[in-house]
PDB file of all heavy atoms in Angstrom:
ATOM      1  N   ALA A   1     130.552 131.968  92.997  1.00  0.00           N
ATOM      2  CA  ALA A   1     131.094 130.826  92.348  1.00  0.00           C
ATOM      3  C   ALA A   1     130.636 130.853  90.878  1.00  0.00           C
ATOM      4  O   ALA A   1     129.451 131.070  90.609  1.00  0.00           O
ATOM      5  CB  ALA A   1     130.642 129.558  93.009  1.00  0.00           C
ATOM      6  N   LYS A   2     131.565 130.598  89.963  1.00  0.00           N
ATOM      7  CA  LYS A   2     131.205 130.523  88.587  1.00  0.00           C
ATOM      8  C   LYS A   2     130.654 129.101  88.296  1.00  0.00           C
ATOM      9  O   LYS A   2     130.901 128.179  89.100  1.00  0.00           O
ATOM     10  CB  LYS A   2     132.435 130.699  87.710  1.00  0.00           C
ATOM     11  CG  LYS A   2     132.999 132.095  87.706  1.00  0.00           C
ATOM     12  CD  LYS A   2     134.164 132.151  86.772  1.00  0.00           C
ATOM     13  CE  LYS A   2     134.755 133.549  86.691  1.00  0.00           C
ATOM     14  NZ  LYS A   2     135.846 133.609  85.788  1.00  0.00           N
ATOM     15  N   GLY A   3     129.980 128.972  87.212  1.00  0.00           N
ATOM     16  CA  GLY A   3     129.488 127.659  86.804  1.00  0.00           C
ATOM     17  C   GLY A   3     130.659 126.764  86.371  1.00  0.00           C
ATOM     18  O   GLY A   3     131.826 127.233  86.275  1.00  0.00           O
ATOM     19  N   PRO A   4     130.385 125.544  86.100  1.00  0.00           N
ATOM     20  CA  PRO A   4     131.441 124.669  85.603  1.00  0.00           C
ATOM     21  C   PRO A   4     132.071 125.185  84.323  1.00  0.00           C
ATOM     22  O   PRO A   4     131.406 125.799  83.450  1.00  0.00           O
ATOM     23  CB  PRO A   4     130.736 123.336  85.385  1.00  0.00           C
ATOM     24  CG  PRO A   4     129.487 123.407  86.192  1.00  0.00           C
ATOM     25  CD  PRO A   4     129.127 124.868  86.249  1.00  0.00           C
ATOM     26  N   SER A   5     133.337 124.946  84.167  1.00  0.00           N
ATOM     27  CA  SER A   5     134.084 125.391  82.981  1.00  0.00           C
ATOM     28  C   SER A   5     133.790 124.514  81.792  1.00  0.00           C
ATOM     29  O   SER A   5     133.192 123.426  81.879  1.00  0.00           O
ATOM     30  CB  SER A   5     135.579 125.366  83.290  1.00  0.00           C
ATOM     31  OG  SER A   5     136.004 124.014  83.469  1.00  0.00           O
ATOM     32  N   LEU A   6     134.280 124.965  80.637  1.00  0.00           N
ATOM     33  CA  LEU A   6     134.137 124.190  79.406  1.00  0.00           C
ATOM     34  C   LEU A   6     134.815 122.861  79.530  1.00  0.00           C
ATOM     35  O   LEU A   6     134.305 121.821  79.109  1.00  0.00           O
ATOM     36  CB  LEU A   6     134.674 125.015  78.228  1.00  0.00           C
ATOM     37  CG  LEU A   6     134.635 124.264  76.856  1.00  0.00           C
ATOM     38  CD1 LEU A   6     133.205 124.005  76.453  1.00  0.00           C
ATOM     39  CD2 LEU A   6     135.328 125.153  75.864  1.00  0.00           C
ATOM     40  N   GLU A   7     135.984 122.852  80.126  1.00  0.00           N
ATOM     41  CA  GLU A   7     136.728 121.612  80.300  1.00  0.00           C
ATOM     42  C   GLU A   7     135.928 120.617  81.138  1.00  0.00           C
ATOM     43  O   GLU A   7     135.910 119.463  80.814  1.00  0.00           O
ATOM     44  CB  GLU A   7     138.061 121.917  81.015  1.00  0.00           C
ATOM     45  CG  GLU A   7     138.960 120.679  81.160  1.00  0.00           C
ATOM     46  CD  GLU A   7     140.235 121.009  81.896  1.00  0.00           C
ATOM     47  OE1 GLU A   7     140.351 122.094  82.483  1.00  0.00           O
ATOM     48  OE2 GLU A   7     141.145 120.155  81.913  1.00  0.00           O
ATOM     49  N   TYR A   8     135.273 121.090  82.172  1.00  0.00           N
ATOM     50  CA  TYR A   8     134.438 120.230  82.997  1.00  0.00           C
ATOM     51  C   TYR A   8     133.364 119.572  82.122  1.00  0.00           C
ATOM     52  O   TYR A   8     133.077 118.389  82.237  1.00  0.00           O
ATOM     53  CB  TYR A   8     133.786 121.026  84.136  1.00  0.00           C
ATOM     54  CG  TYR A   8     132.850 120.228  84.986  1.00  0.00           C
ATOM     55  CD1 TYR A   8     133.274 119.536  86.090  1.00  0.00           C
ATOM     56  CD2 TYR A   8     131.459 120.187  84.679  1.00  0.00           C
ATOM     57  CE1 TYR A   8     132.442 118.838  86.887  1.00  0.00           C
ATOM     58  CE2 TYR A   8     130.585 119.454  85.472  1.00  0.00           C
ATOM     59  CZ  TYR A   8     131.083 118.735  86.556  1.00  0.00           C
ATOM     60  OH  TYR A   8     130.209 118.030  87.296  1.00  0.00           O
ATOM     61  N   TRP A   9     132.671 120.349  81.301  1.00  0.00           N
ATOM     62  CA  TRP A   9     131.564 119.843  80.457  1.00  0.00           C
ATOM     63  C   TRP A   9     132.068 118.876  79.426  1.00  0.00           C
ATOM     64  O   TRP A   9     131.388 117.925  79.057  1.00  0.00           O
ATOM     65  CB  TRP A   9     130.783 120.982  79.878  1.00  0.00           C
ATOM     66  CG  TRP A   9     129.921 121.654  80.859  1.00  0.00           C
ATOM     67  CD1 TRP A   9     130.036 122.941  81.315  1.00  0.00           C
ATOM     68  CD2 TRP A   9     128.822 121.074  81.617  1.00  0.00           C
ATOM     69  NE1 TRP A   9     129.058 123.175  82.279  1.00  0.00           N
ATOM     70  CE2 TRP A   9     128.323 122.031  82.485  1.00  0.00           C
ATOM     71  CE3 TRP A   9     128.199 119.818  81.594  1.00  0.00           C
ATOM     72  CZ2 TRP A   9     127.237 121.825  83.323  1.00  0.00           C
ATOM     73  CZ3 TRP A   9     127.128 119.598  82.469  1.00  0.00           C
ATOM     74  CH2 TRP A   9     126.652 120.577  83.298  1.00  0.00           C
ATOM     75  N   VAL A  10     133.277 119.088  78.890  1.00  0.00           N
ATOM     76  CA  VAL A  10     133.858 118.163  77.949  1.00  0.00           C
ATOM     77  C   VAL A  10     134.069 116.780  78.596  1.00  0.00           C
ATOM     78  O   VAL A  10     133.695 115.754  78.096  1.00  0.00           O
ATOM     79  CB  VAL A  10     135.169 118.679  77.360  1.00  0.00           C
ATOM     80  CG1 VAL A  10     135.908 117.645  76.563  1.00  0.00           C
ATOM     81  CG2 VAL A  10     134.879 119.878  76.457  1.00  0.00           C
ATOM     82  N   TYR A  11     134.653 116.824  79.789  1.00  0.00           N
ATOM     83  CA  TYR A  11     134.895 115.581  80.500  1.00  0.00           C
ATOM     84  C   TYR A  11     133.572 114.914  80.901  1.00  0.00           C
ATOM     85  O   TYR A  11     133.404 113.705  80.773  1.00  0.00           O
ATOM     86  CB  TYR A  11     135.742 115.804  81.807  1.00  0.00           C
ATOM     87  CG  TYR A  11     137.228 115.833  81.543  1.00  0.00           C
ATOM     88  CD1 TYR A  11     137.924 117.042  81.407  1.00  0.00           C
ATOM     89  CD2 TYR A  11     137.960 114.654  81.381  1.00  0.00           C
ATOM     90  CE1 TYR A  11     139.263 117.050  81.191  1.00  0.00           C
ATOM     91  CE2 TYR A  11     139.326 114.669  81.134  1.00  0.00           C
ATOM     92  CZ  TYR A  11     139.977 115.877  81.062  1.00  0.00           C
ATOM     93  OH  TYR A  11     141.289 115.930  80.812  1.00  0.00           O
ATOM     94  N   PHE A  12     132.616 115.745  81.364  1.00  0.00           N
ATOM     95  CA  PHE A  12     131.335 115.200  81.743  1.00  0.00           C
ATOM     96  C   PHE A  12     130.653 114.507  80.560  1.00  0.00           C
ATOM     97  O   PHE A  12     130.152 113.419  80.664  1.00  0.00           O
ATOM     98  CB  PHE A  12     130.438 116.347  82.241  1.00  0.00           C
ATOM     99  CG  PHE A  12     129.097 115.894  82.726  1.00  0.00           C
ATOM    100  CD1 PHE A  12     128.923 115.487  84.022  1.00  0.00           C
ATOM    101  CD2 PHE A  12     127.985 115.868  81.897  1.00  0.00           C
ATOM    102  CE1 PHE A  12     127.684 115.061  84.490  1.00  0.00           C
ATOM    103  CE2 PHE A  12     126.772 115.427  82.327  1.00  0.00           C
ATOM    104  CZ  PHE A  12     126.639 115.068  83.638  1.00  0.00           C
ATOM    105  N   THR A  13     130.710 115.137  79.369  1.00  0.00           N
ATOM    106  CA  THR A  13     130.053 114.548  78.207  1.00  0.00           C
ATOM    107  C   THR A  13     130.746 113.256  77.829  1.00  0.00           C
ATOM    108  O   THR A  13     130.068 112.259  77.478  1.00  0.00           O
ATOM    109  CB  THR A  13     130.154 115.540  77.033  1.00  0.00           C
ATOM    110  OG1 THR A  13     129.525 116.799  77.463  1.00  0.00           O
ATOM    111  CG2 THR A  13     129.474 115.015  75.790  1.00  0.00           C
ATOM    112  N   LEU A  14     132.061 113.220  77.827  1.00  0.00           N
ATOM    113  CA  LEU A  14     132.798 111.962  77.502  1.00  0.00           C
ATOM    114  C   LEU A  14     132.459 110.862  78.461  1.00  0.00           C
ATOM    115  O   LEU A  14     132.203 109.733  78.036  1.00  0.00           O
ATOM    116  CB  LEU A  14     134.291 112.216  77.483  1.00  0.00           C
ATOM    117  CG  LEU A  14     134.797 113.101  76.317  1.00  0.00           C
ATOM    118  CD1 LEU A  14     136.269 113.380  76.542  1.00  0.00           C
ATOM    119  CD2 LEU A  14     134.565 112.459  75.008  1.00  0.00           C
ATOM    120  N   ILE A  15     132.432 111.170  79.727  1.00  0.00           N
ATOM    121  CA  ILE A  15     132.125 110.155  80.723  1.00  0.00           C
ATOM    122  C   ILE A  15     130.665 109.700  80.614  1.00  0.00           C
ATOM    123  O   ILE A  15     130.348 108.518  80.731  1.00  0.00           O
ATOM    124  CB  ILE A  15     132.425 110.647  82.140  1.00  0.00           C
ATOM    125  CG1 ILE A  15     133.916 110.853  82.328  1.00  0.00           C
ATOM    126  CG2 ILE A  15     131.876 109.728  83.235  1.00  0.00           C
ATOM    127  CD1 ILE A  15     134.285 111.636  83.529  1.00  0.00           C
ATOM    128  N   PHE A  16     129.773 110.606  80.275  1.00  0.00           N
ATOM    129  CA  PHE A  16     128.363 110.284  80.128  1.00  0.00           C
ATOM    130  C   PHE A  16     128.174 109.311  78.952  1.00  0.00           C
ATOM    131  O   PHE A  16     127.521 108.327  79.049  1.00  0.00           O
ATOM    132  CB  PHE A  16     127.546 111.564  79.883  1.00  0.00           C
ATOM    133  CG  PHE A  16     126.105 111.340  79.585  1.00  0.00           C
ATOM    134  CD1 PHE A  16     125.236 110.895  80.579  1.00  0.00           C
ATOM    135  CD2 PHE A  16     125.604 111.575  78.298  1.00  0.00           C
ATOM    136  CE1 PHE A  16     123.926 110.674  80.318  1.00  0.00           C
ATOM    137  CE2 PHE A  16     124.287 111.383  78.033  1.00  0.00           C
ATOM    138  CZ  PHE A  16     123.455 110.922  79.018  1.00  0.00           C
ATOM    139  N   ILE A  17     128.854 109.575  77.812  1.00  0.00           N
ATOM    140  CA  ILE A  17     128.768 108.747  76.656  1.00  0.00           C
ATOM    141  C   ILE A  17     129.344 107.386  76.943  1.00  0.00           C
ATOM    142  O   ILE A  17     128.751 106.328  76.525  1.00  0.00           O
ATOM    143  CB  ILE A  17     129.454 109.431  75.469  1.00  0.00           C
ATOM    144  CG1 ILE A  17     128.648 110.643  75.007  1.00  0.00           C
ATOM    145  CG2 ILE A  17     129.627 108.461  74.290  1.00  0.00           C
ATOM    146  CD1 ILE A  17     129.294 111.526  73.997  1.00  0.00           C
ATOM    147  N   VAL A  18     130.449 107.334  77.655  1.00  0.00           N
ATOM    148  CA  VAL A  18     131.064 106.013  77.978  1.00  0.00           C
ATOM    149  C   VAL A  18     130.181 105.230  78.934  1.00  0.00           C
ATOM    150  O   VAL A  18     130.159 103.991  78.926  1.00  0.00           O
ATOM    151  CB  VAL A  18     132.527 106.232  78.549  1.00  0.00           C
ATOM    152  CG1 VAL A  18     133.074 104.968  79.112  1.00  0.00           C
ATOM    153  CG2 VAL A  18     133.397 106.761  77.463  1.00  0.00           C
ATOM    154  N   SER A  19     129.431 105.918  79.818  1.00  0.00           N
ATOM    155  CA  SER A  19     128.645 105.224  80.808  1.00  0.00           C
ATOM    156  C   SER A  19     127.283 104.778  80.230  1.00  0.00           C
ATOM    157  O   SER A  19     126.614 104.011  80.929  1.00  0.00           O
ATOM    158  CB  SER A  19     128.264 106.100  81.996  1.00  0.00           C
ATOM    159  OG  SER A  19     129.185 107.092  82.272  1.00  0.00           O
ATOM    160  N   LEU A  20     126.914 105.205  79.063  1.00  0.00           N
ATOM    161  CA  LEU A  20     125.596 104.789  78.530  1.00  0.00           C
ATOM    162  C   LEU A  20     125.444 103.266  78.351  1.00  0.00           C
ATOM    163  O   LEU A  20     124.457 102.712  78.706  1.00  0.00           O
ATOM    164  CB  LEU A  20     125.321 105.508  77.170  1.00  0.00           C
ATOM    165  CG  LEU A  20     124.825 106.908  77.345  1.00  0.00           C
ATOM    166  CD1 LEU A  20     124.762 107.581  75.946  1.00  0.00           C
ATOM    167  CD2 LEU A  20     123.481 106.979  78.008  1.00  0.00           C
ATOM    168  N   PRO A  21     126.464 102.578  77.801  1.00  0.00           N
ATOM    169  CA  PRO A  21     126.317 101.102  77.742  1.00  0.00           C
ATOM    170  C   PRO A  21     126.107 100.403  79.095  1.00  0.00           C
ATOM    171  O   PRO A  21     125.281  99.529  79.232  1.00  0.00           O
ATOM    172  CB  PRO A  21     127.604 100.629  77.047  1.00  0.00           C
ATOM    173  CG  PRO A  21     128.091 101.809  76.311  1.00  0.00           C
ATOM    174  CD  PRO A  21     127.670 102.993  77.167  1.00  0.00           C
ATOM    175  N   ALA A  22     126.886 100.832  80.081  1.00  0.00           N
ATOM    176  CA  ALA A  22     126.700 100.262  81.424  1.00  0.00           C
ATOM    177  C   ALA A  22     125.343 100.622  81.988  1.00  0.00           C
ATOM    178  O   ALA A  22     124.706  99.807  82.644  1.00  0.00           O
ATOM    179  CB  ALA A  22     127.783 100.766  82.370  1.00  0.00           C
ATOM    180  N   GLY A  23     124.907 101.835  81.694  1.00  0.00           N
ATOM    181  CA  GLY A  23     123.513 102.236  82.108  1.00  0.00           C
ATOM    182  C   GLY A  23     122.478 101.364  81.486  1.00  0.00           C
ATOM    183  O   GLY A  23     121.466 101.004  82.092  1.00  0.00           O
ATOM    184  N   LEU A  24     122.668 101.039  80.195  1.00  0.00           N
ATOM    185  CA  LEU A  24     121.713 100.161  79.524  1.00  0.00           C
ATOM    186  C   LEU A  24     121.659  98.809  80.168  1.00  0.00           C
ATOM    187  O   LEU A  24     120.581  98.222  80.388  1.00  0.00           O
ATOM    188  CB  LEU A  24     122.096 100.056  78.046  1.00  0.00           C
ATOM    189  CG  LEU A  24     121.287  99.078  77.191  1.00  0.00           C
ATOM    190  CD1 LEU A  24     119.826  99.540  77.119  1.00  0.00           C
ATOM    191  CD2 LEU A  24     121.832  98.935  75.798  1.00  0.00           C
ATOM    192  N   VAL A  25     122.841  98.220  80.412  1.00  0.00           N
ATOM    193  CA  VAL A  25     122.905  96.883  81.041  1.00  0.00           C
ATOM    194  C   VAL A  25     122.212  96.921  82.433  1.00  0.00           C
ATOM    195  O   VAL A  25     121.370  96.046  82.763  1.00  0.00           O
ATOM    196  CB  VAL A  25     124.365  96.423  81.156  1.00  0.00           C
ATOM    197  CG1 VAL A  25     124.441  95.141  82.015  1.00  0.00           C
ATOM    198  CG2 VAL A  25     124.901  96.153  79.780  1.00  0.00           C
ATOM    199  N   ASN A  26     122.506  97.920  83.188  1.00  0.00           N
ATOM    200  CA  ASN A  26     121.911  98.033  84.538  1.00  0.00           C
ATOM    201  C   ASN A  26     120.442  98.230  84.462  1.00  0.00           C
ATOM    202  O   ASN A  26     119.668  97.730  85.294  1.00  0.00           O
ATOM    203  CB  ASN A  26     122.528  99.188  85.397  1.00  0.00           C
ATOM    204  CG  ASN A  26     123.918  98.861  85.828  1.00  0.00           C
ATOM    205  OD1 ASN A  26     124.255  97.711  86.098  1.00  0.00           O
ATOM    206  ND2 ASN A  26     124.771  99.862  85.978  1.00  0.00           N
ATOM    207  N   TRP A  27     119.981  99.007  83.481  1.00  0.00           N
ATOM    208  CA  TRP A  27     118.527  99.237  83.273  1.00  0.00           C
ATOM    209  C   TRP A  27     117.844  97.919  82.871  1.00  0.00           C
ATOM    210  O   TRP A  27     116.746  97.632  83.399  1.00  0.00           O
ATOM    211  CB  TRP A  27     118.354 100.281  82.201  1.00  0.00           C
ATOM    212  CG  TRP A  27     116.897 100.518  81.876  1.00  0.00           C
ATOM    213  CD1 TRP A  27     115.929 101.140  82.648  1.00  0.00           C
ATOM    214  CD2 TRP A  27     116.211 100.144  80.698  1.00  0.00           C
ATOM    215  NE1 TRP A  27     114.748 101.181  81.982  1.00  0.00           N
ATOM    216  CE2 TRP A  27     114.932 100.533  80.767  1.00  0.00           C
ATOM    217  CE3 TRP A  27     116.660  99.500  79.502  1.00  0.00           C
ATOM    218  CZ2 TRP A  27     113.948 100.365  79.792  1.00  0.00           C
ATOM    219  CZ3 TRP A  27     115.720  99.289  78.513  1.00  0.00           C
ATOM    220  CH2 TRP A  27     114.416  99.758  78.637  1.00  0.00           C
ATOM    221  N   LEU A  28     118.461  97.128  82.009  1.00  0.00           N
ATOM    222  CA  LEU A  28     117.858  95.849  81.608  1.00  0.00           C
ATOM    223  C   LEU A  28     117.799  94.920  82.799  1.00  0.00           C
ATOM    224  O   LEU A  28     116.807  94.192  82.999  1.00  0.00           O
ATOM    225  CB  LEU A  28     118.674  95.227  80.484  1.00  0.00           C
ATOM    226  CG  LEU A  28     118.482  95.903  79.114  1.00  0.00           C
ATOM    227  CD1 LEU A  28     119.472  95.357  78.121  1.00  0.00           C
ATOM    228  CD2 LEU A  28     117.070  95.885  78.617  1.00  0.00           C
ATOM    229  N   ILE A  29     118.842  94.869  83.617  1.00  0.00           N
ATOM    230  CA  ILE A  29     118.848  94.044  84.826  1.00  0.00           C
ATOM    231  C   ILE A  29     117.755  94.533  85.810  1.00  0.00           C
ATOM    232  O   ILE A  29     117.084  93.738  86.434  1.00  0.00           O
ATOM    233  CB  ILE A  29     120.241  94.013  85.468  1.00  0.00           C
ATOM    234  CG1 ILE A  29     121.221  93.258  84.571  1.00  0.00           C
ATOM    235  CG2 ILE A  29     120.210  93.379  86.835  1.00  0.00           C
ATOM    236  CD1 ILE A  29     122.636  93.348  84.980  1.00  0.00           C
TER     237      ILE A  29
END
């Protein structure tokens, strides 16, 4: 099995950046 593709990492990075604010709120709670 090959590692994740570049497209996978692009989507992962975008989702990670979008999830940071929700992660901050959950962390504060």
